Amino acid sequence: MTKEFREIGKSSTANLVTKGDKDRYWKRILVVDDDVDITTTFKIGIESTQANTNKKIEVYTYHDPRIALLDFEPNFYDLLLIDIKYIV
C-alpha cells in the first residue's frame, strides 16, 4: 500500500511526527472512528482545553482502522479511543 493511498483514510491533521516533535508533547491521544464528526469533536475539544498551558496534548485522528493500524507506533500514544462495532 502506497503512502498516498494511506493518507486518504487519515485525517488531514494527523501528520507524520519526527523525533524532535515527540519531545514537544506532554500527552498523545489516538482517536479512531468512522464518523468524522466524532473525531473532529474529540480533537477540537481536547486540544482547545490546553490553550493556556505549556503542556501540549496532540490528538491523532483516523477514519479507517486499517490505516490506523498501518501507522500505529507502539509506546507512542498515551491513550487510545477506538470505536469498536460488535456485530452478532
Protein backbone atom coordinates (compact mmCIF):
# COMPACT_ATOMS: atom_id res chain seq x y z
CA MET A 1 0.00 0.00 0.00
CA THR A 2 1.46 3.35 -1.00
CA LYS A 3 1.76 6.32 1.30
CA GLU A 4 -0.59 8.35 -0.91
CA PHE A 5 -3.28 5.70 -0.55
CA ARG A 6 -2.83 5.53 3.23
CA GLU A 7 -3.21 9.32 3.50
CA ILE A 8 -6.80 9.10 2.17
CA GLY A 9 -8.20 7.46 5.31
CA LYS A 10 -6.16 9.61 7.66
CA SER A 11 -7.39 12.91 8.98
CA SER A 12 -5.58 15.85 7.41
CA THR A 13 -4.49 16.95 10.90
CA ALA A 14 -2.70 13.71 11.76
CA ASN A 15 0.73 14.35 10.32
CA LEU A 16 3.83 12.24 10.47
CA VAL A 17 5.79 13.15 13.58
CA THR A 18 9.56 13.39 13.75
CA LYS A 19 11.61 12.53 16.83
CA GLY A 20 12.05 16.23 17.63
CA ASP A 21 8.28 16.69 17.59
CA LYS A 22 7.76 13.80 20.02
CA ASP A 23 9.51 15.73 22.80
CA ARG A 24 7.23 18.76 22.38
CA TYR A 25 4.08 17.00 23.52
CA TRP A 26 3.09 16.06 27.02
CA LYS A 27 0.41 13.52 26.03
CA ARG A 28 -0.63 11.90 22.75
CA ILE A 29 -4.11 10.53 22.08
CA LEU A 30 -5.21 8.31 19.20
CA VAL A 31 -8.88 8.52 18.15
CA VAL A 32 -10.22 6.01 15.61
CA ASP A 33 -13.82 6.27 14.41
CA ASP A 34 -15.54 6.11 11.03
CA ASP A 35 -17.61 9.21 11.87
CA VAL A 36 -15.69 12.39 11.02
CA ASP A 37 -17.87 14.48 13.35
CA ILE A 38 -16.86 12.39 16.35
CA THR A 39 -13.13 12.52 15.66
CA THR A 40 -13.30 16.26 14.97
CA THR A 41 -15.23 16.90 18.19
CA PHE A 42 -12.69 14.96 20.26
CA LYS A 43 -9.74 16.68 18.58
CA ILE A 44 -11.08 20.22 18.95
CA GLY A 45 -12.43 19.62 22.45
CA ILE A 46 -9.24 18.11 23.84
CA GLU A 47 -6.75 20.42 22.13
CA SER A 48 -8.71 23.59 23.00
CA THR A 49 -8.67 22.84 26.75
CA GLN A 50 -4.91 23.30 27.00
CA ALA A 51 -4.57 26.62 25.16
CA ASN A 52 -3.05 28.48 28.14
CA THR A 53 -0.60 25.82 29.28
CA ASN A 54 2.85 24.87 28.08
CA LYS A 55 1.92 21.18 28.13
CA LYS A 56 0.54 20.16 24.76
CA ILE A 57 -1.86 17.32 24.06
CA GLU A 58 -1.68 16.09 20.48
CA VAL A 59 -4.73 14.25 19.13
CA TYR A 60 -4.26 11.97 16.12
CA THR A 61 -7.45 11.02 14.29
CA TYR A 62 -8.12 8.24 11.80
CA HIS A 63 -11.30 7.33 9.94
CA ASP A 64 -10.11 3.94 8.69
CA PRO A 65 -8.94 1.39 11.29
CA ARG A 66 -6.72 -0.41 8.77
CA ILE A 67 -4.74 2.76 8.11
CA ALA A 68 -4.56 3.47 11.83
CA LEU A 69 -3.01 0.03 12.31
CA LEU A 70 -0.51 0.61 9.49
CA ASP A 71 0.62 3.91 11.02
CA PHE A 72 0.47 2.73 14.64
CA GLU A 73 3.65 3.18 16.69
CA PRO A 74 3.99 1.09 19.87
CA ASN A 75 4.73 3.05 23.06
CA PHE A 76 3.94 6.36 21.33
CA TYR A 77 0.35 7.07 22.41
CA ASP A 78 -0.75 7.66 25.99
CA LEU A 79 -4.45 6.98 25.37
CA LEU A 80 -6.39 5.14 22.65
CA LEU A 81 -10.04 6.00 21.97
CA ILE A 82 -11.31 3.43 19.49
CA ASP A 83 -14.86 2.82 18.27
CA ILE A 84 -15.48 -0.91 18.02
CA LYS A 85 -18.65 -2.12 16.38
CA TYR A 86 -19.65 -5.57 17.56
CA ILE A 87 -21.74 -7.44 15.00
CA VAL A 88 -23.55 -10.60 16.10
